[in-house]
Protein backbone atom coordinates (compact mmCIF):
# COMPACT_ATOMS: atom_id res chain seq x y z
CA MET A 1 0.00 0.00 0.00
CA THR A 2 1.45 3.37 -1.02
CA SER A 3 -0.69 5.61 1.19
CA THR A 4 -2.10 5.50 4.72
CA ARG A 5 -4.77 8.08 3.86
CA ARG A 6 -8.36 7.06 3.17
CA THR A 7 -8.54 6.63 -0.60
CA VAL A 8 -11.80 6.77 -2.52
CA VAL A 9 -11.74 5.95 -6.23
CA PHE A 10 -14.00 7.70 -8.73
CA ALA A 11 -14.49 5.58 -11.84
CA GLY A 12 -15.68 7.25 -15.02
CA GLY A 13 -14.70 9.43 -17.90
CA GLY A 14 -14.83 9.99 -21.61
CA SER A 15 -16.78 13.23 -21.28
CA GLY A 16 -17.11 16.20 -18.97
CA GLY A 17 -20.62 15.04 -18.12
CA HIS A 18 -19.20 11.99 -16.36
CA LEU A 19 -16.27 13.72 -14.69
CA SER A 20 -17.78 16.97 -13.39
CA PRO A 21 -20.19 15.28 -10.92
CA GLY A 22 -17.31 13.18 -9.59
CA LEU A 23 -15.19 16.29 -9.09
CA ALA A 24 -18.11 17.88 -7.24
CA ILE A 25 -18.41 14.92 -4.86
CA ALA A 26 -14.63 14.89 -4.35
CA GLU A 27 -14.71 18.60 -3.45
CA ARG A 28 -17.31 18.01 -0.74
CA MET A 29 -15.47 14.92 0.54
CA ARG A 30 -12.42 17.05 1.23
CA ASP A 31 -14.63 19.50 3.14
CA VAL A 32 -16.30 16.78 5.21
CA ALA A 33 -13.18 14.69 5.84
CA PRO A 34 -9.97 16.57 4.91
CA GLY A 35 -7.88 13.38 5.21
CA VAL A 36 -9.68 11.69 2.31
CA ARG A 37 -7.73 11.22 -0.92
CA PRO A 38 -9.85 11.15 -4.11
CA LEU A 39 -8.29 9.15 -6.96
CA PHE A 40 -9.90 9.13 -10.41
CA LEU A 41 -9.64 6.06 -12.65
CA CYS A 42 -10.57 7.54 -16.01
CA SER A 43 -10.46 6.79 -19.73
CA THR A 44 -7.47 7.45 -21.98
CA ARG A 45 -9.30 10.28 -23.83
CA ALA A 46 -7.61 13.68 -23.85
CA ILE A 47 -10.67 15.40 -22.32
CA ASP A 48 -10.17 13.38 -19.12
CA ALA A 49 -6.52 14.38 -18.66
CA HIS A 50 -7.39 18.00 -19.45
CA MET A 51 -10.29 18.27 -16.99
CA LEU A 52 -8.74 16.28 -14.16
CA GLY A 53 -5.35 17.94 -14.57
CA ASP A 54 -6.93 21.39 -14.43
CA ALA A 55 -8.88 20.35 -11.32
CA GLY A 56 -5.66 19.33 -9.58
CA VAL A 57 -6.78 15.80 -8.63
CA GLU A 58 -4.86 12.54 -8.91
CA PHE A 59 -5.90 10.36 -11.82
CA ARG A 60 -4.82 7.19 -13.62
CA PRO A 61 -6.06 6.34 -17.12
CA VAL A 62 -7.38 2.78 -17.41
CA PRO A 63 -7.62 0.90 -20.74
CA ALA A 64 -11.28 0.61 -21.79
CA GLU A 65 -13.38 0.77 -24.95
CA GLY A 66 -17.06 1.19 -25.65
CA LEU A 67 -18.79 -1.86 -27.13
CA ALA A 68 -19.46 -1.76 -30.87
CA TRP A 69 -21.55 -4.62 -32.25
CA ASN A 70 -19.23 -5.83 -35.00
CA PRO A 71 -16.40 -8.39 -34.89
CA ARG A 72 -13.61 -5.83 -34.68
CA GLY A 73 -15.53 -3.75 -32.11
CA VAL A 74 -16.24 -6.76 -29.89
CA TRP A 75 -12.58 -7.85 -30.06
CA ARG A 76 -11.32 -4.35 -29.15
CA PHE A 77 -13.82 -4.11 -26.28
CA ALA A 78 -12.80 -7.54 -24.88
CA ARG A 79 -9.07 -6.83 -25.14
CA ALA A 80 -9.39 -3.40 -23.48
CA TYR A 81 -11.72 -4.80 -20.81
CA LEU A 82 -9.20 -7.47 -19.75
CA GLN A 83 -6.35 -4.92 -19.76
CA GLY A 84 -8.47 -2.47 -17.76
CA LEU A 85 -9.52 -5.13 -15.27
CA ALA A 86 -5.88 -6.09 -14.59
CA ALA A 87 -4.81 -2.44 -14.27
CA ALA A 88 -7.72 -1.58 -11.97
CA LYS A 89 -7.07 -4.57 -9.68
CA ARG A 90 -3.43 -3.56 -9.34
CA ILE A 91 -4.28 0.07 -8.55
CA LEU A 92 -7.06 -0.77 -6.08
CA ARG A 93 -4.75 -3.15 -4.20
CA GLU A 94 -1.70 -0.89 -4.20
CA GLU A 95 -3.63 2.20 -3.10
CA GLY A 96 -5.63 0.49 -0.35
CA VAL A 97 -8.90 1.82 -1.78
CA GLU A 98 -11.83 1.69 0.65
CA HIS A 99 -14.70 2.66 -1.68
CA VAL A 100 -15.41 3.05 -5.41
CA VAL A 101 -17.84 5.68 -6.71
CA SER A 102 -18.97 4.76 -10.22
CA LEU A 103 -19.93 7.71 -12.44
CA GLY A 104 -20.89 5.92 -15.65
CA GLY A 105 -19.28 5.37 -19.03
CA PHE A 106 -17.34 2.43 -20.47
CA VAL A 107 -14.38 2.77 -18.08
CA THR A 108 -16.59 1.86 -15.11
CA ALA A 109 -17.07 -1.75 -16.23
CA PRO A 110 -13.52 -3.03 -15.59
CA VAL A 111 -13.03 -0.85 -12.49
CA THR A 112 -16.20 -2.01 -10.75
CA ALA A 113 -15.52 -5.63 -11.73
CA ALA A 114 -12.11 -5.29 -10.09
CA ALA A 115 -13.67 -3.69 -6.99
CA ARG A 116 -16.21 -6.48 -6.67
CA SER A 117 -13.52 -9.16 -6.95
CA LEU A 118 -11.60 -7.41 -4.14
CA ARG A 119 -14.76 -6.92 -2.03
CA ILE A 120 -14.49 -3.13 -2.13
CA PRO A 121 -17.91 -1.47 -1.74
CA ILE A 122 -19.33 0.37 -4.76
CA THR A 123 -21.73 3.30 -4.95
CA LEU A 124 -23.21 3.93 -8.40
CA VAL A 125 -24.18 7.53 -9.13
CA ASN A 126 -26.49 7.41 -12.16
CA LEU A 127 -26.49 10.74 -14.01
CA ASP A 128 -29.08 10.33 -16.78
CA ALA A 129 -32.84 9.88 -16.89
CA THR A 130 -32.22 6.79 -19.04
CA PRO A 131 -29.53 4.62 -17.38
CA GLY A 132 -26.92 3.57 -19.95
CA ARG A 133 -25.78 0.03 -20.65
CA ALA A 134 -22.70 0.35 -18.42
CA ASN A 135 -24.76 1.63 -15.47
CA ARG A 136 -27.23 -1.23 -15.78
CA VAL A 137 -24.33 -3.66 -15.47
CA VAL A 138 -22.70 -1.78 -12.58
CA ALA A 139 -26.02 -1.57 -10.70
CA ARG A 140 -25.89 -5.34 -10.23
CA ARG A 141 -22.45 -5.05 -8.60
CA ALA A 142 -23.09 -2.00 -6.42
CA GLN A 143 -24.01 -1.91 -2.73
CA ARG A 144 -25.82 1.39 -3.26
CA VAL A 145 -27.42 2.96 -6.36
CA VAL A 146 -28.45 6.61 -6.35
CA SER A 147 -29.60 8.75 -9.26
CA ALA A 148 -29.31 12.43 -10.06
CA CYS A 149 -32.78 12.35 -11.61
CA GLU A 150 -35.89 10.23 -11.98
CA THR A 151 -35.50 7.20 -14.25
CA PRO A 152 -39.02 6.82 -15.70
CA ASP A 153 -38.10 3.89 -17.97
CA VAL A 154 -36.61 1.98 -15.00
CA PRO A 155 -38.65 3.30 -12.04
CA LYS A 156 -36.93 1.23 -9.31
CA PHE A 157 -33.39 1.60 -10.64
CA ALA A 158 -32.12 3.72 -7.72
CA GLU A 159 -32.77 3.69 -3.99
CA ALA A 160 -32.72 7.51 -3.84
CA ILE A 161 -33.06 10.49 -6.17
CA VAL A 162 -30.44 12.95 -4.96
CA GLY A 163 -30.12 15.66 -7.62
CA MET A 164 -27.10 16.37 -9.79
CA PRO A 165 -23.76 16.85 -7.99
CA LEU A 166 -22.42 20.22 -9.18
CA ARG A 167 -18.94 21.65 -8.75
CA ARG A 168 -18.71 25.01 -7.04
CA SER A 169 -17.06 26.34 -10.20
CA ALA A 170 -20.32 25.61 -12.06
CA ILE A 171 -22.28 28.01 -9.86
CA ALA A 172 -22.26 31.74 -10.64
CA PRO A 173 -19.84 33.45 -8.24
CA ALA A 174 -21.51 36.87 -8.57
CA GLY A 175 -24.29 38.77 -10.33
CA ARG A 176 -24.65 39.02 -14.10
CA ALA A 177 -22.85 42.32 -14.52
CA GLU A 178 -19.80 41.16 -12.54
CA CYS A 179 -19.64 37.76 -14.31
CA ARG A 180 -19.80 39.49 -17.69
CA GLY A 181 -17.11 41.91 -16.63
CA GLN A 182 -14.79 39.07 -15.54
CA LEU A 183 -15.18 37.50 -18.99
CA GLY A 184 -14.47 40.77 -20.76
CA LEU A 185 -18.07 41.16 -21.91
CA ASP A 186 -20.24 44.27 -21.75
CA PRO A 187 -21.61 44.27 -18.17
CA VAL A 188 -24.95 45.78 -19.25
CA ARG A 189 -25.84 44.13 -22.56
CA PRO A 190 -27.87 40.89 -22.30
CA CYS A 191 -25.86 37.75 -23.05
CA LEU A 192 -26.84 34.62 -24.97
CA PHE A 193 -24.75 31.65 -23.81
CA VAL A 194 -24.27 28.87 -26.38
CA THR A 195 -22.72 25.56 -25.35
CA GLY A 196 -22.46 22.09 -26.84
CA ALA A 197 -21.06 20.74 -23.53
CA SER A 198 -17.42 19.77 -22.99
CA GLN A 199 -16.73 18.54 -26.53
CA GLY A 200 -18.75 21.11 -28.45
CA ALA A 201 -21.54 20.55 -30.97
CA SER A 202 -20.78 21.10 -34.65
CA SER A 203 -24.43 21.30 -35.66
CA LEU A 204 -25.12 24.02 -33.07
CA ASN A 205 -22.01 25.89 -34.20
CA SER A 206 -23.21 25.85 -37.81
CA PHE A 207 -26.71 26.83 -36.75
CA MET A 208 -25.43 29.88 -34.87
CA VAL A 209 -23.54 31.14 -37.94
CA ALA A 210 -26.78 31.12 -39.95
CA PHE A 211 -28.84 32.48 -37.03
CA ALA A 212 -26.48 35.42 -36.52
CA LEU A 213 -26.69 36.36 -40.20
CA GLN A 214 -30.49 36.06 -40.37
CA HIS A 215 -31.21 37.81 -37.05
CA ARG A 216 -28.67 40.64 -37.12
CA GLU A 217 -31.24 43.19 -36.02
CA LEU A 218 -32.34 41.12 -33.02
CA LEU A 219 -28.74 40.38 -32.04
CA THR A 220 -27.78 44.07 -32.21
CA HIS A 221 -29.01 44.43 -28.63
CA TRP A 222 -27.33 41.21 -27.42
CA GLN A 223 -23.87 39.70 -27.04
CA VAL A 224 -22.97 36.04 -27.45
CA LEU A 225 -20.73 33.84 -25.29
CA HIS A 226 -20.12 30.71 -27.37
CA LEU A 227 -18.21 27.64 -26.16
CA ALA A 228 -17.35 25.98 -29.46
CA GLY A 229 -15.49 22.87 -28.28
CA SER A 230 -11.91 22.02 -29.17
CA LYS A 231 -12.92 19.82 -32.13
CA GLY A 232 -16.10 21.59 -33.23
CA SER A 233 -16.73 22.61 -36.81
CA PRO A 234 -16.89 25.51 -37.55
CA SER A 235 -13.94 26.02 -35.18
CA ALA A 236 -13.76 28.75 -32.56
CA ALA A 237 -11.71 30.92 -34.93
CA GLU A 238 -14.18 30.40 -37.79
CA LEU A 239 -17.12 31.20 -35.51
CA ASP A 240 -15.40 34.34 -34.27
CA ALA A 241 -14.96 35.51 -37.87
CA ALA A 242 -18.59 34.65 -38.72
CA TYR A 243 -19.93 36.69 -35.80
CA ALA A 244 -17.71 39.60 -36.83
CA ARG A 245 -19.07 39.45 -40.41
CA ALA A 246 -22.61 39.53 -39.03
CA GLY A 247 -21.77 42.50 -36.82
CA VAL A 248 -22.54 40.55 -33.65
CA LYS A 249 -20.54 41.18 -30.46
CA ALA A 250 -19.30 37.76 -29.41
CA LEU A 251 -16.74 35.97 -27.25
CA VAL A 252 -15.94 32.54 -28.70
CA LEU A 253 -13.89 30.08 -26.65
CA PRO A 254 -13.08 26.40 -27.22
CA PHE A 255 -13.64 25.56 -23.54
CA LEU A 256 -14.15 27.23 -20.17
CA ASN A 257 -13.32 25.66 -16.82
CA ASP A 258 -15.22 28.24 -14.76
CA MET A 259 -18.67 27.39 -16.10
CA GLY A 260 -20.23 29.37 -13.26
CA LEU A 261 -18.99 32.57 -14.91
CA ALA A 262 -20.66 31.60 -18.19
CA TRP A 263 -24.00 30.71 -16.60
CA GLY A 264 -23.75 33.76 -14.36
CA ALA A 265 -23.29 36.03 -17.39
CA ALA A 266 -26.24 34.57 -19.29
CA GLU A 267 -29.70 36.04 -19.71
CA LEU A 268 -30.60 33.09 -21.94
CA ALA A 269 -28.85 29.89 -23.06
CA LEU A 270 -28.82 27.46 -25.97
CA SER A 271 -27.46 24.12 -24.81
CA ARG A 272 -27.29 20.40 -25.33
CA ALA A 273 -29.48 18.54 -22.83
CA GLY A 274 -26.93 16.40 -21.02
CA ALA A 275 -27.89 15.89 -17.39
CA ASN A 276 -25.02 18.06 -16.18
CA SER A 277 -25.90 20.96 -18.49
CA VAL A 278 -29.57 20.79 -17.46
CA ALA A 279 -28.63 20.83 -13.78
CA GLU A 280 -26.25 23.78 -14.24
CA ALA A 281 -28.92 25.81 -16.05
CA GLU A 282 -31.40 25.02 -13.28
CA ALA A 283 -29.01 25.82 -10.43
CA ASN A 284 -28.08 29.16 -12.03
CA HIS A 285 -31.70 30.03 -12.93
CA VAL A 286 -30.96 30.55 -16.64
CA PRO A 287 -33.87 30.14 -19.12
CA THR A 288 -32.59 27.70 -21.72
CA VAL A 289 -33.46 26.22 -25.09
CA PHE A 290 -32.31 22.60 -24.72
CA VAL A 291 -31.37 20.68 -27.86
CA PRO A 292 -30.88 16.93 -27.16
CA TYR A 293 -27.88 15.18 -28.71
CA PRO A 294 -29.32 13.96 -32.02
CA TYR A 295 -27.20 10.84 -32.57
CA HIS A 296 -28.73 8.81 -29.73
CA ARG A 297 -31.39 6.60 -31.29
CA ASP A 298 -33.67 7.03 -28.29
CA LEU A 299 -32.89 10.77 -27.90
CA HIS A 300 -32.44 10.02 -24.21
CA GLN A 301 -31.17 13.53 -23.39
CA GLU A 302 -34.75 14.66 -24.00
CA ALA A 303 -35.75 13.05 -20.70
CA ASN A 304 -33.19 15.15 -18.80
CA ALA A 305 -34.81 18.42 -19.90
CA LYS A 306 -38.48 17.40 -19.65
CA PRO A 307 -38.96 18.17 -15.93
CA LEU A 308 -37.88 21.79 -16.54
CA VAL A 309 -39.99 22.02 -19.71
CA ARG A 310 -43.06 20.75 -17.83
CA ALA A 311 -42.42 23.36 -15.12
CA GLY A 312 -42.37 26.16 -17.71
CA ALA A 313 -38.68 26.76 -16.94
CA ALA A 314 -37.12 25.67 -20.25
CA VAL A 315 -37.88 24.97 -23.91
CA LEU A 316 -37.10 21.80 -25.85
CA ALA A 317 -36.01 22.00 -29.50
CA TYR A 318 -34.69 19.34 -31.87
CA ASP A 319 -31.47 19.21 -33.86
CA ARG A 320 -32.35 18.24 -37.46
CA LEU A 321 -28.66 18.15 -38.49
CA ASP A 322 -29.46 20.52 -41.33
CA VAL A 323 -28.93 24.26 -41.01
CA ALA A 324 -32.08 25.25 -42.91
CA ALA A 325 -34.26 22.86 -40.88
CA ASN A 326 -32.64 24.02 -37.64
CA MET A 327 -33.42 27.65 -38.43
CA GLN A 328 -37.04 26.65 -37.92
CA SER A 329 -36.83 23.97 -35.21
CA ILE A 330 -34.24 25.77 -33.03
CA GLY A 331 -34.23 29.28 -34.46
CA GLU A 332 -37.89 30.07 -33.94
CA PRO A 333 -38.08 29.33 -30.19
CA LEU A 334 -34.68 30.97 -29.64
CA ALA A 335 -35.68 34.16 -31.47
CA THR A 336 -38.99 34.27 -29.58
CA LEU A 337 -37.23 34.13 -26.22
CA MET A 338 -34.62 36.69 -27.21
CA ALA A 339 -37.38 39.11 -28.20
CA ASP A 340 -39.66 38.52 -25.20
CA GLY A 341 -38.23 39.68 -21.88
CA ARG A 342 -41.45 38.92 -20.02
CA LEU A 343 -41.36 35.28 -21.13
CA ARG A 344 -37.73 34.98 -19.98
CA ASP A 345 -38.69 36.48 -16.62
CA GLU A 346 -41.50 33.93 -16.20
CA MET A 347 -39.11 31.08 -16.95
CA GLU A 348 -36.54 32.46 -14.51
CA SER A 349 -39.21 32.69 -11.80
CA ALA A 350 -40.16 29.05 -12.46
CA LEU A 351 -36.50 28.06 -12.07
CA ARG A 352 -36.13 29.96 -8.80
CA ALA A 353 -39.23 28.23 -7.42
CA ARG A 354 -37.64 24.79 -7.76
CA PRO A 355 -36.01 23.27 -4.64
CA GLN A 356 -32.22 23.41 -4.40
CA VAL A 357 -30.19 20.63 -2.76
CA ASP A 358 -26.45 20.00 -2.44
CA ALA A 359 -26.40 16.51 -3.94
CA ALA A 360 -22.60 16.40 -3.96
CA GLU A 361 -22.40 16.81 -0.18
CA ALA A 362 -25.17 14.27 0.43
CA ILE A 363 -23.37 11.64 -1.67
CA ALA A 364 -19.99 12.47 -0.12
CA ARG A 365 -21.35 12.03 3.40
CA THR A 366 -23.04 8.76 2.52
CA VAL A 367 -19.94 7.27 0.88
CA LEU A 368 -17.79 8.27 3.85
CA GLY A 369 -20.33 6.99 6.37
CA VAL A 370 -20.60 10.43 7.94
CA HIS A 371 -23.91 11.38 9.55
CA GLY A 372 -26.26 12.88 6.98
CA ARG A 373 -29.36 11.60 5.20
CA MET A 374 -29.85 11.50 1.43
CA SER A 375 -32.87 13.33 0.02
CA HIS A 376 -35.52 11.38 -1.83
C-alpha cells in the first residue's frame, strides 16, 4: 500500500458530463473529511486528462473501450476490458482503496468488476434519466445505487433520487454584470450563452452562424458567449470571424473551466441537454433552449430536460442536423425568447421556485459513512 490516507476511487470518464459530478463529490469529501484522498480512474481520452489535470486531482487512465456490435468492435472491447480489469485490480490493491464511486461510461465496467472481486464497496451515481448500458451492469455489482434524476423507464433503478452533484465552479460566483465583466463582456448588454457541452456541438455551431446572419437586427441588442469545443466545426476561430461578419458582439472560446462565470453572465442559453448541463442551467436560474444530442437513437437527453420544460422553466427543440431545418426547429423558439423579456422572466421565476439541494455533499457524506441523510 502506497498511502495511509483514506482513498476513494471515482471511476468514469470519456466526457465532462461523467467527470464533473465526480469532481463535485470529491470537493465536498475534502470539506467533510480533509484526510480523504480522491483518486480518479478515467479513460485514456484527452478530455479526461485535461479536466482532471486542471482540477488538480490525482488520476490514472485505465484501458477501456465502448462496445461496438461488429467483430472488430467486440474484439477491441474484450481486449481493453481485460487490460483495464488487470490495471484496476493492481491500482485498487496498491492504493488500499476503501470505496469506489462509479460515475458511468465504459471505463466503469472493468473498475467495478475489479472492486467487486476485491470486495471493495461500490456506490453507483447514475447521471441520466435513461440509465446507460454500463450503469445497468454496474447496478448489479453495487451496494448502493443513487440517481441524479428520476429514471421513468426503469422506475426502481435507484434507492434515492439525490439531484445532480455540481462543482462550485459551475455556480455563478456573482451577479450578471460582474460575471460578464470578468469575462471581458459588456456588463450591461444581455448575453446569450451557447454551449455544446465539454466537446462542443458542430451542428449548433453551424446553426449559430446562420442564425447570426439572419437575425442581425435582433442580435444588435445582445452579445454572445459561445463555447465551441476544441474539435467543433466551424472552429472557434471560424465562428469568431462569422460573428464579426454579421456585426454581432461575441466571445468565442473552445472551452471554459469556470462554467459558473458563463452561466452567471447569461440572460438566456442554448445548450445540449446532457444531465449536467440541465442541472447547471437550473441551479443558475438561466432560461434555456435545450437541444438533445441527435445521434442517440432514443434521444435520451430529452428526458433530462423534460422536468424543466413541464415546469415552464425551459424549452425543448430538436437538432435536425441541417442548417435550414434548424433555423425553424431551433431558431424560432430561440428568437422568440430573445425578443420577449417577459417570457424569460417567467421562466426564470419558475426556475427559482424549484427546490435546491447540495447533492454532492449528500453523496460524499453517505460514501464516507458520515452522519447525513440522502434526500428522496
